[in-house]
Amino acid sequence: MIDQLRQEQGFPVVPMCHVLGVSKSGYYAWRNRKPSARKLEDERLKVAIKAAHERGRGTYGPKKIQEELVDIEKM
C-alpha cells in the first residue's frame, strides 16, 4: 500500500508509515527483501498457467489446465 501510494500519488514515506503504524526501517527492510521461495514459485506457476491457457486457445478451464500442469511437472 505504501509503495502504491508513493508511486501513484507521490505521498512521502515517513508520514504514511506513521499513519499506518509501520516503522520506517521495517518498511525499507520489507521493500528491499528478496522474494521468498513461495513468491518465486507462484510467479513461475502464473507463467505456466497463462501458457497452458494460450495453448488451449483460451478454451481450457481450470481442470484441463491443472491436468496439463501436472503432466508438465512429470516430464
PDB file of N, CA and C in Angstrom:
ATOM      1  N   MET A   1       0.823  -1.183   0.000  1.00  0.00           N
ATOM      2  CA  MET A   1       0.000   0.000   0.000  1.00  0.00           C
ATOM      3  C   MET A   1       0.874   1.256   0.000  1.00  0.00           C
ATOM      4  N   ILE A   2       1.898   1.273   0.839  1.00  0.00           N
ATOM      5  CA  ILE A   2       2.779   2.438   0.895  1.00  0.00           C
ATOM      6  C   ILE A   2       3.454   2.649  -0.448  1.00  0.00           C
ATOM      7  N   ASP A   3       3.983   1.580  -1.022  1.00  0.00           N
ATOM      8  CA  ASP A   3       4.646   1.698  -2.331  1.00  0.00           C
ATOM      9  C   ASP A   3       3.681   2.225  -3.386  1.00  0.00           C
ATOM     10  N   GLN A   4       2.481   1.707  -3.398  1.00  0.00           N
ATOM     11  CA  GLN A   4       1.491   2.115  -4.394  1.00  0.00           C
ATOM     12  C   GLN A   4       1.151   3.597  -4.244  1.00  0.00           C
ATOM     13  N   LEU A   5       0.889   4.045  -3.029  1.00  0.00           N
ATOM     14  CA  LEU A   5       0.556   5.454  -2.813  1.00  0.00           C
ATOM     15  C   LEU A   5       1.743   6.361  -3.102  1.00  0.00           C
ATOM     16  N   ARG A   6       2.942   5.889  -2.779  1.00  0.00           N
ATOM     17  CA  ARG A   6       4.144   6.676  -3.033  1.00  0.00           C
ATOM     18  C   ARG A   6       4.331   6.865  -4.530  1.00  0.00           C
ATOM     19  N   GLN A   7       4.148   5.789  -5.305  1.00  0.00           N
ATOM     20  CA  GLN A   7       4.365   5.862  -6.750  1.00  0.00           C
ATOM     21  C   GLN A   7       3.238   6.599  -7.464  1.00  0.00           C
ATOM     22  N   GLU A   8       1.994   6.308  -7.105  1.00  0.00           N
ATOM     23  CA  GLU A   8       0.855   6.878  -7.826  1.00  0.00           C
ATOM     24  C   GLU A   8       0.533   8.311  -7.405  1.00  0.00           C
ATOM     25  N   GLN A   9       0.630   8.589  -6.115  1.00  0.00           N
ATOM     26  CA  GLN A   9       0.207   9.890  -5.598  1.00  0.00           C
ATOM     27  C   GLN A   9       1.369  10.765  -5.128  1.00  0.00           C
ATOM     28  N   GLY A  10       2.560  10.181  -5.010  1.00  0.00           N
ATOM     29  CA  GLY A  10       3.720  10.950  -4.573  1.00  0.00           C
ATOM     30  C   GLY A  10       3.733  11.255  -3.085  1.00  0.00           C
ATOM     31  N   PHE A  11       2.965  10.494  -2.285  1.00  0.00           N
ATOM     32  CA  PHE A  11       2.956  10.729  -0.845  1.00  0.00           C
ATOM     33  C   PHE A  11       4.308  10.361  -0.248  1.00  0.00           C
ATOM     34  N   PRO A  12       4.777  11.118   0.739  1.00  0.00           N
ATOM     35  CA  PRO A  12       6.055  10.802   1.380  1.00  0.00           C
ATOM     36  C   PRO A  12       5.938   9.559   2.276  1.00  0.00           C
ATOM     37  N   VAL A  13       7.023   8.817   2.366  1.00  0.00           N
ATOM     38  CA  VAL A  13       7.049   7.548   3.088  1.00  0.00           C
ATOM     39  C   VAL A  13       6.862   7.730   4.583  1.00  0.00           C
ATOM     40  N   VAL A  14       7.585   8.653   5.187  1.00  0.00           N
ATOM     41  CA  VAL A  14       7.574   8.786   6.650  1.00  0.00           C
ATOM     42  C   VAL A  14       6.168   9.046   7.207  1.00  0.00           C
ATOM     43  N   PRO A  15       5.422  10.021   6.696  1.00  0.00           N
ATOM     44  CA  PRO A  15       4.070  10.211   7.236  1.00  0.00           C
ATOM     45  C   PRO A  15       3.151   9.000   7.014  1.00  0.00           C
ATOM     46  N   MET A  16       3.285   8.332   5.871  1.00  0.00           N
ATOM     47  CA  MET A  16       2.445   7.143   5.635  1.00  0.00           C
ATOM     48  C   MET A  16       2.781   6.050   6.637  1.00  0.00           C
ATOM     49  N   CYS A  17       4.063   5.850   6.917  1.00  0.00           N
ATOM     50  CA  CYS A  17       4.458   4.846   7.908  1.00  0.00           C
ATOM     51  C   CYS A  17       3.856   5.189   9.268  1.00  0.00           C
ATOM     52  N   HIS A  18       3.917   6.464   9.628  1.00  0.00           N
ATOM     53  CA  HIS A  18       3.373   6.899  10.918  1.00  0.00           C
ATOM     54  C   HIS A  18       1.868   6.623  10.996  1.00  0.00           C
ATOM     55  N   VAL A  19       1.124   7.006   9.969  1.00  0.00           N
ATOM     56  CA  VAL A  19      -0.329   6.823   9.951  1.00  0.00           C
ATOM     57  C   VAL A  19      -0.691   5.338   9.988  1.00  0.00           C
ATOM     58  N   LEU A  20       0.075   4.520   9.275  1.00  0.00           N
ATOM     59  CA  LEU A  20      -0.230   3.084   9.199  1.00  0.00           C
ATOM     60  C   LEU A  20       0.389   2.272  10.330  1.00  0.00           C
ATOM     61  N   GLY A  21       1.151   2.916  11.200  1.00  0.00           N
ATOM     62  CA  GLY A  21       1.743   2.217  12.338  1.00  0.00           C
ATOM     63  C   GLY A  21       2.876   1.277  11.953  1.00  0.00           C
ATOM     64  N   VAL A  22       3.624   1.665  10.934  1.00  0.00           N
ATOM     65  CA  VAL A  22       4.749   0.854  10.454  1.00  0.00           C
ATOM     66  C   VAL A  22       6.022   1.659  10.648  1.00  0.00           C
ATOM     67  N   SER A  23       7.073   1.002  11.148  1.00  0.00           N
ATOM     68  CA  SER A  23       8.330   1.728  11.294  1.00  0.00           C
ATOM     69  C   SER A  23       8.947   1.966   9.917  1.00  0.00           C
ATOM     70  N   LYS A  24       9.652   3.077   9.797  1.00  0.00           N
ATOM     71  CA  LYS A  24      10.300   3.401   8.526  1.00  0.00           C
ATOM     72  C   LYS A  24      11.327   2.319   8.177  1.00  0.00           C
ATOM     73  N   SER A  25      12.079   1.875   9.177  1.00  0.00           N
ATOM     74  CA  SER A  25      13.083   0.838   8.916  1.00  0.00           C
ATOM     75  C   SER A  25      12.423  -0.480   8.513  1.00  0.00           C
ATOM     76  N   GLY A  26      11.271  -0.790   9.115  1.00  0.00           N
ATOM     77  CA  GLY A  26      10.536  -2.002   8.746  1.00  0.00           C
ATOM     78  C   GLY A  26      10.042  -1.952   7.313  1.00  0.00           C
ATOM     79  N   TYR A  27       9.556  -0.775   6.914  1.00  0.00           N
ATOM     80  CA  TYR A  27       9.099  -0.610   5.533  1.00  0.00           C
ATOM     81  C   TYR A  27      10.251  -0.829   4.555  1.00  0.00           C
ATOM     82  N   TYR A  28      11.393  -0.188   4.813  1.00  0.00           N
ATOM     83  CA  TYR A  28      12.522  -0.325   3.893  1.00  0.00           C
ATOM     84  C   TYR A  28      13.104  -1.744   3.918  1.00  0.00           C
ATOM     85  N   ALA A  29      13.064  -2.408   5.075  1.00  0.00           N
ATOM     86  CA  ALA A  29      13.521  -3.800   5.144  1.00  0.00           C
ATOM     87  C   ALA A  29      12.623  -4.678   4.279  1.00  0.00           C
ATOM     88  N   TRP A  30      11.301  -4.460   4.366  1.00  0.00           N
ATOM     89  CA  TRP A  30      10.354  -5.232   3.551  1.00  0.00           C
ATOM     90  C   TRP A  30      10.573  -4.955   2.067  1.00  0.00           C
ATOM     91  N   ARG A  31      10.761  -3.681   1.732  1.00  0.00           N
ATOM     92  CA  ARG A  31      10.907  -3.282   0.333  1.00  0.00           C
ATOM     93  C   ARG A  31      12.162  -3.861  -0.312  1.00  0.00           C
ATOM     94  N   ASN A  32      13.218  -3.986   0.465  1.00  0.00           N
ATOM     95  CA  ASN A  32      14.498  -4.466  -0.073  1.00  0.00           C
ATOM     96  C   ASN A  32      14.700  -5.969   0.073  1.00  0.00           C
ATOM     97  N   ARG A  33      13.733  -6.645   0.677  1.00  0.00           N
ATOM     98  CA  ARG A  33      13.847  -8.096   0.893  1.00  0.00           C
ATOM     99  C   ARG A  33      13.714  -8.833  -0.431  1.00  0.00           C
ATOM    100  N   LYS A  34      14.514  -9.878  -0.578  1.00  0.00           N
ATOM    101  CA  LYS A  34      14.419 -10.715  -1.774  1.00  0.00           C
ATOM    102  C   LYS A  34      13.122 -11.519  -1.723  1.00  0.00           C
ATOM    103  N   PRO A  35      12.562 -11.849  -2.888  1.00  0.00           N
ATOM    104  CA  PRO A  35      11.315 -12.626  -2.896  1.00  0.00           C
ATOM    105  C   PRO A  35      11.520 -14.004  -2.271  1.00  0.00           C
ATOM    106  N   SER A  36      10.501 -14.467  -1.564  1.00  0.00           N
ATOM    107  CA  SER A  36      10.557 -15.786  -0.930  1.00  0.00           C
ATOM    108  C   SER A  36      10.453 -16.882  -1.985  1.00  0.00           C
ATOM    109  N   ALA A  37      10.788 -18.089  -1.579  1.00  0.00           N
ATOM    110  CA  ALA A  37      10.669 -19.241  -2.479  1.00  0.00           C
ATOM    111  C   ALA A  37       9.210 -19.401  -2.920  1.00  0.00           C
ATOM    112  N   ARG A  38       8.279 -19.153  -2.019  1.00  0.00           N
ATOM    113  CA  ARG A  38       6.848 -19.262  -2.337  1.00  0.00           C
ATOM    114  C   ARG A  38       6.455 -18.243  -3.415  1.00  0.00           C
ATOM    115  N   LYS A  39       6.919 -17.015  -3.261  1.00  0.00           N
ATOM    116  CA  LYS A  39       6.608 -15.964  -4.235  1.00  0.00           C
ATOM    117  C   LYS A  39       7.181 -16.321  -5.604  1.00  0.00           C
ATOM    118  N   LEU A  40       8.416 -16.827  -5.641  1.00  0.00           N
ATOM    119  CA  LEU A  40       9.039 -17.211  -6.902  1.00  0.00           C
ATOM    120  C   LEU A  40       8.276 -18.354  -7.570  1.00  0.00           C
ATOM    121  N   GLU A  41       7.839 -19.326  -6.762  1.00  0.00           N
ATOM    122  CA  GLU A  41       7.069 -20.450  -7.296  1.00  0.00           C
ATOM    123  C   GLU A  41       5.720 -19.981  -7.820  1.00  0.00           C
ATOM    124  N   ASP A  42       5.080 -19.058  -7.108  1.00  0.00           N
ATOM    125  CA  ASP A  42       3.798 -18.510  -7.569  1.00  0.00           C
ATOM    126  C   ASP A  42       3.964 -17.811  -8.917  1.00  0.00           C
ATOM    127  N   GLU A  43       5.031 -17.054  -9.081  1.00  0.00           N
ATOM    128  CA  GLU A  43       5.276 -16.361 -10.345  1.00  0.00           C
ATOM    129  C   GLU A  43       5.527 -17.367 -11.473  1.00  0.00           C
ATOM    130  N   ARG A  44       6.266 -18.436 -11.175  1.00  0.00           N
ATOM    131  CA  ARG A  44       6.524 -19.476 -12.169  1.00  0.00           C
ATOM    132  C   ARG A  44       5.213 -20.137 -12.594  1.00  0.00           C
ATOM    133  N   LEU A  45       4.343 -20.397 -11.623  1.00  0.00           N
ATOM    134  CA  LEU A  45       3.055 -21.015 -11.929  1.00  0.00           C
ATOM    135  C   LEU A  45       2.158 -20.098 -12.759  1.00  0.00           C
ATOM    136  N   LYS A  46       2.188 -18.804 -12.490  1.00  0.00           N
ATOM    137  CA  LYS A  46       1.394 -17.863 -13.285  1.00  0.00           C
ATOM    138  C   LYS A  46       1.788 -17.945 -14.756  1.00  0.00           C
ATOM    139  N   VAL A  47       3.089 -17.991 -15.018  1.00  0.00           N
ATOM    140  CA  VAL A  47       3.569 -18.074 -16.395  1.00  0.00           C
ATOM    141  C   VAL A  47       3.116 -19.390 -17.031  1.00  0.00           C
ATOM    142  N   ALA A  48       3.250 -20.489 -16.280  1.00  0.00           N
ATOM    143  CA  ALA A  48       2.847 -21.805 -16.809  1.00  0.00           C
ATOM    144  C   ALA A  48       1.345 -21.862 -17.074  1.00  0.00           C
ATOM    145  N   ILE A  49       0.551 -21.278 -16.188  1.00  0.00           N
ATOM    146  CA  ILE A  49      -0.909 -21.275 -16.361  1.00  0.00           C
ATOM    147  C   ILE A  49      -1.302 -20.463 -17.595  1.00  0.00           C
ATOM    148  N   LYS A  50      -0.706 -19.295 -17.754  1.00  0.00           N
ATOM    149  CA  LYS A  50      -1.006 -18.461 -18.927  1.00  0.00           C
ATOM    150  C   LYS A  50      -0.609 -19.173 -20.211  1.00  0.00           C
ATOM    151  N   ALA A  51       0.548 -19.858 -20.197  1.00  0.00           N
ATOM    152  CA  ALA A  51       0.999 -20.579 -21.393  1.00  0.00           C
ATOM    153  C   ALA A  51       0.036 -21.720 -21.723  1.00  0.00           C
ATOM    154  N   ALA A  52      -0.411 -22.464 -20.709  1.00  0.00           N
ATOM    155  CA  ALA A  52      -1.356 -23.562 -20.940  1.00  0.00           C
ATOM    156  C   ALA A  52      -2.677 -23.024 -21.479  1.00  0.00           C
ATOM    157  N   HIS A  53      -3.111 -21.900 -20.951  1.00  0.00           N
ATOM    158  CA  HIS A  53      -4.356 -21.289 -21.414  1.00  0.00           C
ATOM    159  C   HIS A  53      -4.230 -20.869 -22.879  1.00  0.00           C
ATOM    160  N   GLU A  54      -3.091 -20.301 -23.249  1.00  0.00           N
ATOM    161  CA  GLU A  54      -2.873 -19.895 -24.643  1.00  0.00           C
ATOM    162  C   GLU A  54      -2.783 -21.101 -25.570  1.00  0.00           C
ATOM    163  N   ARG A  55      -2.121 -22.171 -25.109  1.00  0.00           N
ATOM    164  CA  ARG A  55      -2.043 -23.383 -25.934  1.00  0.00           C
ATOM    165  C   ARG A  55      -3.434 -23.948 -26.208  1.00  0.00           C
ATOM    166  N   GLY A  56      -4.332 -23.770 -25.257  1.00  0.00           N
ATOM    167  CA  GLY A  56      -5.709 -24.248 -25.433  1.00  0.00           C
ATOM    168  C   GLY A  56      -6.582 -23.223 -26.148  1.00  0.00           C
ATOM    169  N   ARG A  57      -5.949 -22.185 -26.703  1.00  0.00           N
ATOM    170  CA  ARG A  57      -6.644 -21.122 -27.435  1.00  0.00           C
ATOM    171  C   ARG A  57      -7.760 -20.489 -26.594  1.00  0.00           C
ATOM    172  N   GLY A  58      -7.499 -20.396 -25.295  1.00  0.00           N
ATOM    173  CA  GLY A  58      -8.448 -19.733 -24.405  1.00  0.00           C
ATOM    174  C   GLY A  58      -9.655 -20.561 -24.036  1.00  0.00           C
ATOM    175  N   THR A  59      -9.650 -21.845 -24.406  1.00  0.00           N
ATOM    176  CA  THR A  59     -10.828 -22.674 -24.133  1.00  0.00           C
ATOM    177  C   THR A  59     -10.632 -23.598 -22.929  1.00  0.00           C
ATOM    178  N   TYR A  60      -9.393 -23.777 -22.471  1.00  0.00           N
ATOM    179  CA  TYR A  60      -9.152 -24.664 -21.329  1.00  0.00           C
ATOM    180  C   TYR A  60      -9.693 -24.040 -20.056  1.00  0.00           C
ATOM    181  N   GLY A  61     -10.385 -24.853 -19.279  1.00  0.00           N
ATOM    182  CA  GLY A  61     -10.856 -24.420 -17.972  1.00  0.00           C
ATOM    183  C   GLY A  61      -9.852 -24.825 -16.900  1.00  0.00           C
ATOM    184  N   PRO A  62     -10.166 -24.575 -15.652  1.00  0.00           N
ATOM    185  CA  PRO A  62      -9.237 -24.862 -14.564  1.00  0.00           C
ATOM    186  C   PRO A  62      -8.825 -26.340 -14.485  1.00  0.00           C
ATOM    187  N   LYS A  63      -9.764 -27.235 -14.698  1.00  0.00           N
ATOM    188  CA  LYS A  63      -9.445 -28.666 -14.589  1.00  0.00           C
ATOM    189  C   LYS A  63      -8.447 -29.093 -15.667  1.00  0.00           C
ATOM    190  N   LYS A  64      -8.681 -28.690 -16.897  1.00  0.00           N
ATOM    191  CA  LYS A  64      -7.797 -29.055 -18.003  1.00  0.00           C
ATOM    192  C   LYS A  64      -6.415 -28.417 -17.819  1.00  0.00           C
ATOM    193  N   ILE A  65      -6.388 -27.173 -17.385  1.00  0.00           N
ATOM    194  CA  ILE A  65      -5.097 -26.505 -17.158  1.00  0.00           C
ATOM    195  C   ILE A  65      -4.328 -27.226 -16.059  1.00  0.00           C
ATOM    196  N   GLN A  66      -5.020 -27.604 -14.975  1.00  0.00           N
ATOM    197  CA  GLN A  66      -4.346 -28.320 -13.890  1.00  0.00           C
ATOM    198  C   GLN A  66      -3.799 -29.655 -14.386  1.00  0.00           C
ATOM    199  N   GLU A  67      -4.568 -30.376 -15.187  1.00  0.00           N
ATOM    200  CA  GLU A  67      -4.094 -31.649 -15.737  1.00  0.00           C
ATOM    201  C   GLU A  67      -2.838 -31.432 -16.586  1.00  0.00           C
ATOM    202  N   GLU A  68      -2.847 -30.380 -17.403  1.00  0.00           N
ATOM    203  CA  GLU A  68      -1.698 -30.102 -18.246  1.00  0.00           C
ATOM    204  C   GLU A  68      -0.473 -29.744 -17.413  1.00  0.00           C
ATOM    205  N   LEU A  69      -0.673 -28.976 -16.357  1.00  0.00           N
ATOM    206  CA  LEU A  69       0.451 -28.599 -15.496  1.00  0.00           C
ATOM    207  C   LEU A  69       1.038 -29.816 -14.788  1.00  0.00           C
ATOM    208  N   VAL A  70       0.161 -30.729 -14.367  1.00  0.00           N
ATOM    209  CA  VAL A  70       0.643 -31.964 -13.732  1.00  0.00           C
ATOM    210  C   VAL A  70       1.468 -32.780 -14.722  1.00  0.00           C
ATOM    211  N   ASP A  71       0.989 -32.860 -15.975  1.00  0.00           N
ATOM    212  CA  ASP A  71       1.725 -33.608 -16.991  1.00  0.00           C
ATOM    213  C   ASP A  71       3.093 -32.973 -17.257  1.00  0.00           C
ATOM    214  N   ILE A  72       3.170 -31.651 -17.265  1.00  0.00           N
ATOM    215  CA  ILE A  72       4.439 -30.957 -17.485  1.00  0.00           C
ATOM    216  C   ILE A  72       5.402 -31.234 -16.326  1.00  0.00           C
ATOM    217  N   GLU A  73       4.899 -31.245 -15.102  1.00  0.00           N
ATOM    218  CA  GLU A  73       5.753 -31.487 -13.936  1.00  0.00           C
ATOM    219  C   GLU A  73       6.344 -32.903 -13.960  1.00  0.00           C
ATOM    220  N   LYS A  74       5.619 -33.845 -14.562  1.00  0.00           N
ATOM    221  CA  LYS A  74       6.102 -35.240 -14.610  1.00  0.00           C
ATOM    222  C   LYS A  74       7.277 -35.382 -15.550  1.00  0.00           C
ATOM    223  N   MET A  75       7.403 -34.474 -16.516  1.00  0.00           N
ATOM    224  CA  MET A  75       8.472 -34.575 -17.523  1.00  0.00           C
ATOM    225  C   MET A  75       9.827 -34.354 -16.922  1.00  0.00           C
TER     226      MET A  75
END
